[in-house]
Protein backbone atom coordinates (compact mmCIF):
# COMPACT_ATOMS: atom_id res chain seq x y z
CA MET A 1 141.49 172.05 -8.25
CA ARG A 2 142.23 171.51 -11.93
CA SER A 3 144.99 169.48 -13.48
CA GLN A 4 147.06 170.73 -16.39
CA TYR A 5 146.27 167.42 -18.09
CA GLU A 6 142.48 167.62 -17.62
CA TYR A 7 141.72 168.50 -21.24
CA LEU A 8 144.07 165.79 -22.56
CA ALA A 9 142.57 163.25 -20.15
CA VAL A 10 139.05 163.91 -21.45
CA LEU A 11 140.22 163.46 -25.04
CA GLY A 12 142.05 160.27 -24.09
CA VAL A 13 138.95 158.85 -22.42
CA CYS A 14 136.86 159.64 -25.51
CA LEU A 15 139.35 157.81 -27.72
CA LEU A 16 139.62 154.84 -25.35
CA ILE A 17 135.87 154.44 -25.10
CA THR A 18 135.40 154.47 -28.88
CA MET A 19 138.52 152.42 -29.74
CA PRO A 20 136.71 149.04 -29.70
CA LEU A 21 134.37 150.39 -32.37
CA GLU A 22 137.25 150.04 -34.85
CA TRP A 23 136.53 146.31 -34.97
CA MET A 24 132.74 146.62 -35.02
CA GLY A 25 132.53 148.60 -38.25
CA ARG A 26 134.50 148.89 -41.46
CA GLY A 27 137.40 150.39 -39.57
CA VAL A 28 138.48 153.99 -39.41
CA TYR A 29 142.12 153.83 -38.43
CA ARG A 30 142.74 151.28 -41.19
CA ARG A 31 141.64 153.89 -43.74
CA ALA A 32 143.98 156.69 -42.69
CA PRO A 33 144.06 158.52 -46.05
CA ASP A 34 140.26 158.75 -46.07
CA VAL A 35 140.25 159.97 -42.48
CA VAL A 36 142.82 162.66 -43.26
CA ARG A 37 140.75 163.86 -46.23
CA ALA A 38 137.68 164.03 -44.00
CA VAL A 39 139.24 165.68 -40.95
CA ALA A 40 141.93 167.98 -42.37
CA PRO A 41 139.70 170.62 -44.02
CA VAL A 42 137.57 170.98 -40.90
CA LEU A 43 140.69 171.05 -38.73
CA VAL A 44 142.15 173.92 -40.74
CA VAL A 45 138.95 175.97 -40.65
CA LEU A 46 138.42 175.46 -36.91
CA VAL A 47 142.05 176.22 -36.03
CA VAL A 48 141.90 179.49 -37.95
CA TRP A 49 138.53 180.29 -36.37
CA ASP A 50 139.89 179.60 -32.86
CA VAL A 51 143.05 181.65 -33.36
CA VAL A 52 141.04 184.63 -34.64
CA ALA A 53 138.58 184.33 -31.74
CA ILE A 54 141.40 184.10 -29.17
CA LEU A 55 143.27 187.07 -30.65
CA ARG A 56 140.06 189.13 -30.67
CA GLY A 57 139.37 188.21 -27.05
CA HIS A 58 136.16 186.31 -27.74
CA TRP A 59 137.31 183.32 -25.72
CA SER A 60 140.26 181.78 -23.97
CA PHE A 61 141.33 178.58 -22.30
CA HIS A 62 141.76 178.02 -18.60
CA PRO A 63 145.55 177.97 -18.14
CA GLU A 64 145.38 175.46 -15.28
CA ALA A 65 143.53 172.92 -17.47
CA THR A 66 146.05 172.94 -20.33
CA THR A 67 149.68 171.90 -20.54
CA GLY A 68 150.85 175.35 -21.61
CA VAL A 69 152.02 174.10 -25.00
CA ALA A 70 150.53 176.50 -27.53
CA ILE A 71 150.80 176.53 -31.30
CA GLY A 72 152.05 179.92 -32.39
CA GLY A 73 151.93 180.95 -28.75
CA VAL A 74 148.15 181.28 -29.09
CA LEU A 75 146.28 177.99 -29.53
CA PRO A 76 146.66 175.27 -26.89
CA ILE A 77 147.76 171.96 -28.38
CA GLU A 78 144.81 170.35 -26.61
CA GLU A 79 142.40 172.34 -28.76
CA VAL A 80 144.04 171.11 -31.96
CA LEU A 81 143.92 167.56 -30.63
CA PHE A 82 140.22 168.08 -29.83
CA PHE A 83 139.61 168.88 -33.51
CA VAL A 84 141.19 165.53 -34.39
CA ALA A 85 140.03 163.28 -31.54
CA ILE A 86 136.33 164.14 -31.51
CA PRO A 87 135.83 163.67 -35.27
CA LEU A 88 137.68 160.34 -34.96
CA CYS A 89 135.29 159.28 -32.20
CA ALA A 90 132.34 160.34 -34.33
CA LEU A 91 133.66 158.45 -37.37
CA LEU A 92 134.27 155.33 -35.28
CA THR A 93 130.72 155.51 -33.92
CA TYR A 94 129.21 156.13 -37.35
CA GLU A 95 131.06 153.24 -38.97
CA ALA A 96 130.20 150.87 -36.12
CA VAL A 97 126.49 151.66 -36.47
CA ARG A 98 126.52 151.86 -40.25
CA GLY A 99 127.90 148.36 -40.77
CA PRO A 100 125.14 146.43 -38.98
CA SER A 101 122.39 148.82 -40.11
CA GLU A 102 123.16 148.11 -43.79
CA ARG A 103 121.77 144.60 -43.26
CA TRP A 104 118.38 146.14 -42.46
CA LEU A 105 118.14 148.16 -45.66
CA PRO A 106 116.31 146.76 -48.69
CA ASN A 107 118.72 145.46 -51.33
CA GLY A 108 121.51 145.77 -48.74
């Protein structure tokens, strides 16, 4: 049996697991304007892509795994949040690894 909050729960767990990485690297959340410039263009492209694919019947979302809140009546809010949360997790991971690895580089 699925929960209508399943998708949101997975995104929340991803963010919780990577949250401590904020303090291990140069910080991601502390550089919000840079994050917006990095994530926004990809977000726009993927949202348009998803909406077109949904309207053409290429894919859909399991209604029992989403809250039912849809942007424009088409795209589940969870999908938009996915396009924000997962890049944030990736940026947090990258910055956490990048900081210590710079010590290993010559002239670093």
